[in-house]
Amino acid sequence: MRISDFALVVDLVDDETEKAIQDKITRTSKMLAQFTLGWQSDWATHIDSQLLDNINVWRDFFPPEIEAQLDGRSAGDRIRHSFSAGEILPQHTSAEVHRVKAQHFNRNFSSRIKLEPRLGRFYPKGVFEGIPGNYRSSYQPCRIIAIDDESITTDFNHPLSVRALDIEAQIICIWDAAQEHGGRCNDIVEMLTANGPGMQARHDSIATDFWSDDAFVRQDPSPDDAFYAMPRLVDHLDKNCSRQIAELYRRLIPLDGRILDLMSSWVSHLPADFANADITGLGMNQHELEQNPLLTQNLVHDLNQQTAIPFDDQTFDAIICTASIEYLVKPDQVFAELSRILKPGAPLVITFSNRWFPPKAIQAWGHAHKFERMGLVFEYFIQNGDFENLHSYSLRGLPRPSNDRYAGQLPTSDPVYAVWGYRR
């Protein structure tokens, strides 16, 4: 997939009547744009996208190669540039790699959980004591890259500092800024790279340790059939998030194939194009599955009790799993089954957001950073060994729909996170 494949499909600007809409960008313009960061790790291709509003063309900071392309551009235009490693982020330096004594890892840093140092995981910098110039108040993430009984080595460099980066911007709306001369100056690169991107990839191709610390225990260990016995005919994702997931499925899933909607419910998050597809829903509640208009057949099946999936080898042309991967307590066994029932070359697409049922989610999910959760799903794919051409995708910053239950409480839509690969 290319960066340009991920155009937004949400109606982003509901009311522009109070803005002086412009045809082209000038030095007094503001704009709404989708900025996308593309990069490659040893195992996968990654695309991290954000919708940025009220970007001030004259005041905010752009890389010069991007800024030079803005003048005279119109809504709908795209601009892009490729940057080498260390060109727009500080270059990776050994001075930012710190080896500390094991006892200088503050296990009591969080009031919520007791922290343990694990290889490849990210922690707030403030966890590490005894590093000159580092303070307990720092929550900027850093990664453990080596660990033994006596010492821990942590890397304070940005995880993307060693990556070549492609930046693309799609201009959505332009309006006059009315000669503003004050206010905050935003750094576009910082906005794109802060708080997550890069954290989903392994360090030096070494498996990230998500497995320690009772990774697959749950707050509620009771059988799932009781928890899911009562139908929940509610939206688990807001409309903008769901629509973006549907668009992703449209681009990745064959319209005329046989599809398994894994851990399904009353909504499949597939677009209307799939109305005539052969879609099997596997879920936990019969009533919910019966309310799903896209399913041609359904099956009540508890993957946490029985990981074997009752379909023949190479049955499906695609498998999707939406907002449910966090509930699997035996993902290795389930992924073995998924690879068995997929046809060669068929995609397995895992999507999720920031909402789930905490009592039934595995502990590793709740304890991980939101971008590390993509890394956890990557480990499912990589350790299975039957998948290739792996990808991740994130989308943040969409406006929350005005009719959403959290409108007025949360300013932006539920984020989209996706990981997918193709059966060898």
Protein backbone atom coordinates (compact mmCIF):
# COMPACT_ATOMS: atom_id res chain seq x y z
CA MET A 1 0.00 0.00 0.00
CA ARG A 2 1.13 3.55 -0.72
CA ILE A 3 0.66 6.59 1.47
CA SER A 4 -1.64 8.10 -1.13
CA ASP A 5 -3.99 5.10 -0.85
CA PHE A 6 -5.16 6.33 2.54
CA ALA A 7 -7.36 9.28 1.64
CA LEU A 8 -9.94 10.25 4.23
CA VAL A 9 -13.56 9.47 3.47
CA VAL A 10 -15.21 11.30 6.38
CA ASP A 11 -17.06 14.57 5.80
CA LEU A 12 -14.55 16.55 7.80
CA VAL A 13 -15.80 20.12 7.63
CA ASP A 14 -19.44 20.38 8.69
CA ASP A 15 -19.80 24.17 8.75
CA GLU A 16 -17.37 26.61 7.15
CA THR A 17 -19.82 29.51 6.84
CA GLU A 18 -17.89 31.69 9.28
CA LYS A 19 -14.55 31.13 7.53
CA ALA A 20 -13.30 33.09 4.55
CA ILE A 21 -12.69 30.07 2.31
CA GLN A 22 -9.80 30.51 -0.13
CA ASP A 23 -9.14 28.78 -3.45
CA LYS A 24 -5.37 28.75 -2.97
CA ILE A 25 -2.88 28.95 -0.12
CA THR A 26 -1.29 32.31 0.54
CA ARG A 27 0.98 33.51 3.35
CA THR A 28 -2.11 34.49 5.37
CA SER A 29 -3.84 31.12 5.06
CA LYS A 30 -4.85 28.52 7.58
CA MET A 31 -5.63 25.01 6.51
CA LEU A 32 -7.05 21.67 7.47
CA ALA A 33 -4.90 18.84 6.16
CA GLN A 34 -4.20 15.17 6.55
CA PHE A 35 -0.50 14.64 7.23
CA THR A 36 0.85 11.14 6.76
CA LEU A 37 4.15 9.63 7.81
CA GLY A 38 5.41 6.59 5.92
CA TRP A 39 8.35 4.45 6.99
CA GLN A 40 9.80 0.97 6.82
CA SER A 41 11.02 -1.35 9.59
CA ASP A 42 12.81 -4.67 9.24
CA TRP A 43 9.50 -6.52 9.33
CA ALA A 44 6.83 -4.23 7.96
CA THR A 45 5.64 -1.11 6.17
CA HIS A 46 4.11 1.54 8.43
CA ILE A 47 1.78 4.47 7.76
CA ASP A 48 0.88 6.87 10.58
CA SER A 49 -1.62 9.58 9.74
CA GLN A 50 -3.11 12.57 11.54
CA LEU A 51 -5.70 15.17 10.70
CA LEU A 52 -4.30 18.58 11.70
CA ASP A 53 -6.64 21.58 11.91
CA ASN A 54 -5.95 25.33 12.09
CA ILE A 55 -2.49 24.94 10.63
CA ASN A 56 -1.13 28.45 10.12
CA VAL A 57 0.94 28.59 6.95
CA TRP A 58 3.03 31.61 7.93
CA ARG A 59 3.47 30.88 11.64
CA ASP A 60 3.76 27.10 12.05
CA PHE A 61 7.00 25.28 11.31
CA PHE A 62 7.22 22.93 8.33
CA PRO A 63 10.28 21.18 6.94
CA PRO A 64 11.56 23.56 4.23
CA GLU A 65 11.00 20.92 1.55
CA ILE A 66 7.30 20.79 2.47
CA GLU A 67 6.86 24.53 3.03
CA ALA A 68 8.30 25.28 -0.42
CA GLN A 69 5.46 23.29 -1.99
CA LEU A 70 2.59 25.00 -0.14
CA ASP A 71 2.31 28.38 -1.83
CA GLY A 72 -0.47 28.47 -4.42
CA ARG A 73 -1.79 25.01 -3.62
CA SER A 74 -5.53 24.26 -3.63
CA ALA A 75 -7.85 22.04 -1.61
CA GLY A 76 -7.44 18.45 -2.75
CA ASP A 77 -3.77 18.86 -3.66
CA ARG A 78 -1.14 16.56 -2.23
CA ILE A 79 2.45 17.42 -1.45
CA ARG A 80 5.16 14.98 -0.44
CA HIS A 81 8.85 14.61 0.27
CA SER A 82 11.21 11.81 1.30
CA PHE A 83 13.72 12.41 4.10
CA SER A 84 16.76 10.34 5.00
CA ALA A 85 17.31 9.08 8.55
CA GLY A 86 18.20 11.91 10.92
CA GLU A 87 17.21 14.64 8.49
CA ILE A 88 14.07 15.93 10.22
CA LEU A 89 14.50 14.20 13.60
CA PRO A 90 17.67 14.43 15.68
CA GLN A 91 20.19 11.88 14.51
CA HIS A 92 20.60 8.76 16.61
CA THR A 93 23.51 9.23 19.00
CA SER A 94 25.22 6.98 21.52
CA ALA A 95 25.08 9.87 24.02
CA GLU A 96 21.35 9.21 24.34
CA VAL A 97 21.86 5.52 25.15
CA HIS A 98 22.21 5.02 28.90
CA ARG A 99 23.25 2.00 30.94
CA VAL A 100 22.03 2.11 34.53
CA LYS A 101 22.17 -0.24 37.47
CA ALA A 102 19.15 -2.51 37.73
CA GLN A 103 18.12 -0.91 41.04
CA HIS A 104 17.86 2.47 39.30
CA PHE A 105 14.74 1.30 37.48
CA ASN A 106 11.87 2.73 39.56
CA ARG A 107 9.31 -0.08 39.72
CA ASN A 108 6.99 2.13 41.77
CA PHE A 109 6.91 4.98 39.24
CA SER A 110 3.26 4.30 38.42
CA SER A 111 0.56 4.38 41.09
CA ARG A 112 -1.55 2.07 38.92
CA ILE A 113 0.77 -0.87 38.26
CA LYS A 114 4.12 -2.17 39.44
CA LEU A 115 6.56 -1.85 36.55
CA GLU A 116 9.08 -4.48 35.53
CA PRO A 117 11.87 -3.89 33.01
CA ARG A 118 11.30 -5.91 29.82
CA LEU A 119 13.38 -6.05 26.65
CA GLY A 120 12.06 -3.91 23.83
CA ARG A 121 9.32 -2.24 25.88
CA PHE A 122 8.82 1.50 26.28
CA TYR A 123 8.74 3.37 29.61
CA PRO A 124 8.61 7.01 30.67
CA LYS A 125 12.12 8.43 30.92
CA GLY A 126 11.39 9.35 34.54
CA VAL A 127 11.45 5.65 35.45
CA PHE A 128 15.24 5.64 35.10
CA GLU A 129 17.12 7.18 38.01
CA GLY A 130 20.74 8.31 38.19
CA ILE A 131 20.93 9.72 34.65
CA PRO A 132 22.24 13.31 34.62
CA GLY A 133 19.66 15.76 33.30
CA ASN A 134 16.84 13.23 33.49
CA TYR A 135 13.97 13.93 35.88
CA ARG A 136 11.19 11.88 37.39
CA SER A 137 8.66 14.28 35.87
CA SER A 138 9.60 13.20 32.32
CA TYR A 139 6.94 11.01 30.69
CA GLN A 140 8.56 10.98 27.26
CA PRO A 141 8.87 7.33 26.21
CA CYS A 142 12.18 5.53 25.89
CA ARG A 143 13.02 1.92 25.12
CA ILE A 144 14.92 -0.80 26.96
CA ILE A 145 17.37 -2.29 24.44
CA ALA A 146 19.43 -4.56 26.72
CA ILE A 147 18.92 -6.06 30.15
CA ASP A 148 20.70 -8.43 32.54
CA ASP A 149 20.72 -9.12 36.26
CA GLU A 150 22.92 -6.11 37.05
CA SER A 151 22.10 -3.44 34.50
CA ILE A 152 19.54 -2.03 32.08
CA THR A 153 20.34 -0.17 28.86
CA THR A 154 17.75 2.33 27.69
CA ASP A 155 17.66 4.32 24.47
CA PHE A 156 16.47 7.92 24.79
CA ASN A 157 16.66 8.51 21.02
CA HIS A 158 13.41 8.79 19.12
CA PRO A 159 12.50 5.33 17.74
CA LEU A 160 12.24 6.86 14.25
CA SER A 161 15.67 8.50 14.40
CA VAL A 162 17.18 5.60 12.42
CA ARG A 163 14.39 5.48 9.80
CA ALA A 164 13.99 7.15 6.44
CA LEU A 165 10.66 9.01 6.50
CA ASP A 166 8.17 9.99 3.81
CA ILE A 167 5.82 12.88 4.61
CA GLU A 168 2.70 13.55 2.58
CA ALA A 169 0.03 16.19 3.13
CA GLN A 170 -3.41 16.22 1.55
CA ILE A 171 -4.95 19.70 1.75
CA ILE A 172 -8.63 19.53 2.66
CA CYS A 173 -9.73 23.11 3.34
CA ILE A 174 -8.10 26.57 3.16
CA TRP A 175 -9.27 29.82 4.71
CA ASP A 176 -7.92 33.26 5.52
CA ALA A 177 -6.20 33.66 8.88
CA ALA A 178 -7.15 37.34 9.10
CA GLN A 179 -3.59 38.54 9.59
CA GLU A 180 -2.96 36.75 12.89
CA HIS A 181 0.38 37.64 14.43
CA GLY A 182 0.30 35.94 17.81
CA GLY A 183 -0.41 32.57 19.27
CA ARG A 184 1.44 29.31 19.50
CA CYS A 185 3.81 28.10 16.80
CA ASN A 186 3.33 24.42 16.03
CA ASP A 187 6.09 22.13 14.79
CA ILE A 188 4.47 19.85 12.21
CA VAL A 189 7.20 17.19 12.46
CA GLU A 190 6.86 17.07 16.23
CA MET A 191 3.09 16.74 15.94
CA LEU A 192 3.49 13.83 13.50
CA THR A 193 6.18 11.93 15.38
CA ALA A 194 5.34 12.52 19.05
CA ASN A 195 3.70 10.04 21.37
CA GLY A 196 3.70 6.84 19.40
CA PRO A 197 4.96 6.46 15.84
CA GLY A 198 7.95 4.12 15.79
CA MET A 199 6.94 2.27 18.94
CA GLN A 200 5.16 -0.48 16.99
CA ALA A 201 8.37 -1.83 15.44
CA ARG A 202 10.89 -4.21 16.97
CA HIS A 203 14.33 -2.99 18.01
CA ASP A 204 17.09 -4.55 15.88
CA SER A 205 14.70 -7.33 14.80
CA ILE A 206 14.64 -8.69 18.36
CA ALA A 207 11.25 -9.85 19.61
CA THR A 208 9.70 -7.44 22.09
CA ASP A 209 8.96 -9.04 25.46
CA PHE A 210 5.21 -8.72 25.75
CA TRP A 211 4.90 -12.19 27.25
CA SER A 212 6.17 -11.72 30.80
CA ASP A 213 4.17 -10.48 33.79
CA ASP A 214 1.12 -12.72 33.27
CA ALA A 215 0.45 -11.17 29.88
CA PHE A 216 -2.71 -13.15 29.18
CA VAL A 217 -4.48 -13.05 32.52
CA ARG A 218 -7.67 -10.99 32.78
CA GLN A 219 -9.51 -9.12 35.50
CA ASP A 220 -12.44 -11.44 34.95
CA PRO A 221 -11.14 -14.98 34.31
CA SER A 222 -14.61 -16.55 34.30
CA PRO A 223 -15.87 -18.25 31.10
CA ASP A 224 -16.76 -15.74 28.43
CA ASP A 225 -20.13 -17.22 27.55
CA ALA A 226 -21.66 -15.72 30.70
CA PHE A 227 -20.19 -12.27 30.05
CA TYR A 228 -21.48 -12.22 26.47
CA ALA A 229 -24.82 -13.92 27.19
CA MET A 230 -26.76 -10.64 27.10
CA PRO A 231 -26.82 -8.99 23.65
CA ARG A 232 -25.07 -5.62 23.40
CA LEU A 233 -26.55 -3.88 20.37
CA VAL A 234 -24.45 -0.77 20.82
CA ASP A 235 -21.76 0.89 18.73
CA HIS A 236 -18.33 0.12 20.12
CA LEU A 237 -16.65 2.66 17.82
CA ASP A 238 -17.82 6.11 16.77
CA LYS A 239 -19.08 6.61 13.22
CA ASN A 240 -15.96 8.31 11.87
CA CYS A 241 -13.69 5.60 13.23
CA SER A 242 -15.96 2.86 11.92
CA ARG A 243 -16.15 4.49 8.50
CA GLN A 244 -12.36 4.66 8.23
CA ILE A 245 -12.07 0.98 9.15
CA ALA A 246 -14.66 0.19 6.48
CA GLU A 247 -12.60 2.10 3.93
CA LEU A 248 -9.48 0.18 4.92
CA TYR A 249 -11.34 -3.12 4.47
CA ARG A 250 -12.57 -1.94 1.07
CA ARG A 251 -8.97 -1.45 -0.05
CA LEU A 252 -7.65 -4.74 1.33
CA ILE A 253 -10.47 -7.30 1.06
CA PRO A 254 -11.77 -8.85 -2.20
CA LEU A 255 -15.40 -7.90 -2.79
CA ASP A 256 -16.29 -11.24 -4.35
CA GLY A 257 -14.48 -13.58 -1.97
CA ARG A 258 -15.41 -15.65 1.03
CA ILE A 259 -14.72 -13.66 4.20
CA LEU A 260 -14.54 -14.65 7.86
CA ASP A 261 -15.57 -11.91 10.28
CA LEU A 262 -13.76 -13.17 13.37
CA MET A 263 -15.14 -12.35 16.82
CA SER A 264 -18.07 -10.71 15.08
CA SER A 265 -21.17 -9.00 16.43
CA TRP A 266 -24.19 -7.14 15.02
CA VAL A 267 -21.94 -4.81 12.97
CA SER A 268 -19.16 -6.04 10.68
CA HIS A 269 -17.65 -2.59 9.93
CA LEU A 270 -17.57 -3.54 6.26
CA PRO A 271 -18.85 -1.02 3.69
CA ALA A 272 -22.06 -1.56 1.72
CA ASP A 273 -20.00 -2.82 -1.25
CA PHE A 274 -19.85 -6.19 0.52
CA ALA A 275 -23.64 -6.64 0.67
CA ASN A 276 -23.46 -9.54 -1.80
CA ALA A 277 -20.28 -11.13 -0.46
CA ASP A 278 -20.14 -14.52 1.27
CA ILE A 279 -19.44 -13.46 4.86
CA THR A 280 -19.31 -15.82 7.82
CA GLY A 281 -19.55 -14.29 11.28
CA LEU A 282 -17.92 -16.10 14.20
CA GLY A 283 -18.87 -14.57 17.54
CA MET A 284 -20.12 -15.07 21.07
CA ASN A 285 -23.79 -14.07 20.97
CA GLN A 286 -26.35 -15.63 18.62
CA HIS A 287 -28.79 -12.72 18.79
CA GLU A 288 -26.09 -10.18 17.91
CA LEU A 289 -24.95 -12.26 14.94
CA GLU A 290 -28.53 -12.64 13.70
CA GLN A 291 -28.91 -8.83 13.66
CA ASN A 292 -25.88 -8.43 11.36
CA PRO A 293 -27.30 -7.76 7.86
CA LEU A 294 -24.06 -8.61 6.04
CA LEU A 295 -23.61 -12.15 7.35
CA THR A 296 -24.60 -15.01 5.08
CA GLN A 297 -24.01 -17.47 7.91
CA ASN A 298 -22.97 -17.29 11.54
CA LEU A 299 -21.39 -19.47 14.16
CA VAL A 300 -21.31 -19.08 17.96
CA HIS A 301 -17.81 -20.11 18.99
CA ASP A 302 -15.65 -19.26 22.02
CA LEU A 303 -12.04 -19.06 20.84
CA ASN A 304 -10.77 -18.83 24.42
CA GLN A 305 -12.34 -22.21 25.21
CA GLN A 306 -11.80 -23.89 21.84
CA THR A 307 -9.08 -22.47 19.61
CA ALA A 308 -9.77 -24.96 16.82
CA ILE A 309 -11.92 -23.27 14.17
CA PRO A 310 -14.35 -25.65 12.40
CA PHE A 311 -13.51 -24.86 8.77
CA ASP A 312 -11.48 -26.72 6.18
CA ASP A 313 -7.96 -25.73 5.18
CA GLN A 314 -7.72 -22.76 2.79
CA THR A 315 -11.41 -21.90 3.04
CA PHE A 316 -11.31 -18.09 3.18
CA ASP A 317 -10.15 -15.35 0.84
CA ALA A 318 -9.82 -12.92 3.76
CA ILE A 319 -10.24 -12.73 7.53
CA ILE A 320 -11.03 -9.56 9.45
CA CYS A 321 -11.11 -8.98 13.19
CA THR A 322 -12.46 -5.64 14.44
CA ALA A 323 -12.02 -4.28 17.99
CA SER A 324 -11.67 -7.77 19.50
CA ILE A 325 -8.07 -8.99 19.26
CA GLU A 326 -7.41 -7.82 22.83
CA TYR A 327 -9.66 -10.57 24.24
CA LEU A 328 -7.70 -13.59 22.96
CA VAL A 329 -5.91 -15.48 25.73
CA LYS A 330 -4.27 -18.00 23.35
CA PRO A 331 -3.41 -15.88 20.31
CA ASP A 332 -0.64 -18.20 19.12
CA GLN A 333 -3.05 -21.10 18.78
CA VAL A 334 -5.74 -18.95 17.18
CA PHE A 335 -3.29 -17.50 14.65
CA ALA A 336 -2.20 -21.04 13.74
CA GLU A 337 -5.83 -21.79 12.93
CA LEU A 338 -6.26 -18.56 10.98
CA SER A 339 -3.25 -19.32 8.81
CA ARG A 340 -4.62 -22.84 8.24
CA ILE A 341 -8.04 -21.72 6.99
CA LEU A 342 -6.75 -18.82 4.85
CA LYS A 343 -5.92 -19.31 1.19
CA PRO A 344 -2.35 -18.49 0.10
CA GLY A 345 -2.04 -14.77 -0.59
CA ALA A 346 -5.18 -13.95 1.42
CA PRO A 347 -5.10 -11.06 3.94
CA LEU A 348 -5.65 -11.21 7.69
CA VAL A 349 -6.59 -7.70 8.85
CA ILE A 350 -6.71 -6.79 12.56
CA THR A 351 -8.21 -3.41 13.49
CA PHE A 352 -8.84 -1.82 16.88
CA SER A 353 -9.17 1.49 18.69
CA ASN A 354 -8.97 2.76 22.27
CA ARG A 355 -12.20 1.25 23.60
CA TRP A 356 -12.64 -2.26 25.00
CA PHE A 357 -14.17 -4.19 27.89
CA PRO A 358 -11.43 -4.00 30.57
CA PRO A 359 -12.57 -7.08 32.56
CA LYS A 360 -12.10 -9.30 29.52
CA ALA A 361 -9.02 -7.76 27.88
CA ILE A 362 -5.67 -9.42 28.49
CA GLN A 363 -3.38 -7.69 30.95
CA ALA A 364 -0.70 -7.03 28.32
CA TRP A 365 -3.19 -4.91 26.36
CA GLY A 366 -4.11 -2.59 29.21
CA HIS A 367 -0.48 -2.15 30.27
CA ALA A 368 0.87 -1.34 26.80
CA HIS A 369 1.16 2.06 25.14
CA LYS A 370 -1.43 2.49 22.39
CA PHE A 371 1.22 2.18 19.67
CA GLU A 372 2.87 -0.76 21.43
CA ARG A 373 -0.43 -2.63 20.99
CA MET A 374 0.26 -2.67 17.27
CA GLY A 375 3.66 -4.11 18.16
CA LEU A 376 1.97 -6.86 20.19
CA VAL A 377 -0.22 -7.79 17.22
CA PHE A 378 2.86 -7.76 15.00
CA GLU A 379 4.40 -10.34 17.31
CA TYR A 380 1.37 -12.58 16.76
CA PHE A 381 1.99 -12.41 13.01
CA ILE A 382 5.77 -12.71 13.14
CA GLN A 383 5.93 -15.56 15.61
CA ASN A 384 3.32 -17.48 13.64
CA GLY A 385 5.66 -17.43 10.66
CA ASP A 386 3.02 -18.03 7.96
CA PHE A 387 2.46 -14.38 7.03
CA GLU A 388 4.38 -11.95 4.85
CA ASN A 389 4.11 -8.37 3.56
CA LEU A 390 3.16 -7.01 6.99
CA HIS A 391 1.73 -3.51 7.46
CA SER A 392 0.54 -1.17 10.18
CA TYR A 393 -1.68 1.87 9.90
CA SER A 394 -2.77 4.49 12.41
CA LEU A 395 -5.13 7.43 11.99
CA ARG A 396 -5.71 10.08 14.66
CA GLY A 397 -7.27 13.51 14.94
CA LEU A 398 -10.57 13.12 13.13
CA PRO A 399 -13.41 15.21 14.58
CA ARG A 400 -15.82 13.39 16.84
CA PRO A 401 -19.29 13.13 15.26
CA SER A 402 -21.72 15.69 16.71
CA ASN A 403 -24.26 12.95 17.49
CA ASP A 404 -21.80 10.68 19.25
CA ARG A 405 -22.41 9.87 22.92
CA TYR A 406 -19.04 11.43 23.82
CA ALA A 407 -19.49 14.59 21.75
CA GLY A 408 -18.56 17.59 23.89
CA GLN A 409 -16.44 15.38 26.17
CA LEU A 410 -13.81 14.11 23.73
CA PRO A 411 -12.70 16.46 20.93
CA THR A 412 -11.51 13.84 18.45
CA SER A 413 -12.84 10.63 17.02
CA ASP A 414 -11.74 7.19 18.22
CA PRO A 415 -8.33 6.52 16.65
CA VAL A 416 -7.85 3.76 14.11
CA TYR A 417 -5.07 1.20 14.52
CA ALA A 418 -4.57 -1.66 12.08
CA VAL A 419 -2.09 -4.47 11.46
CA TRP A 420 -2.33 -6.85 8.54
CA GLY A 421 -0.40 -9.44 6.60
CA TYR A 422 -0.87 -11.97 3.81
CA ARG A 423 -0.81 -15.77 4.04
CA ARG A 424 2.34 -17.14 2.40
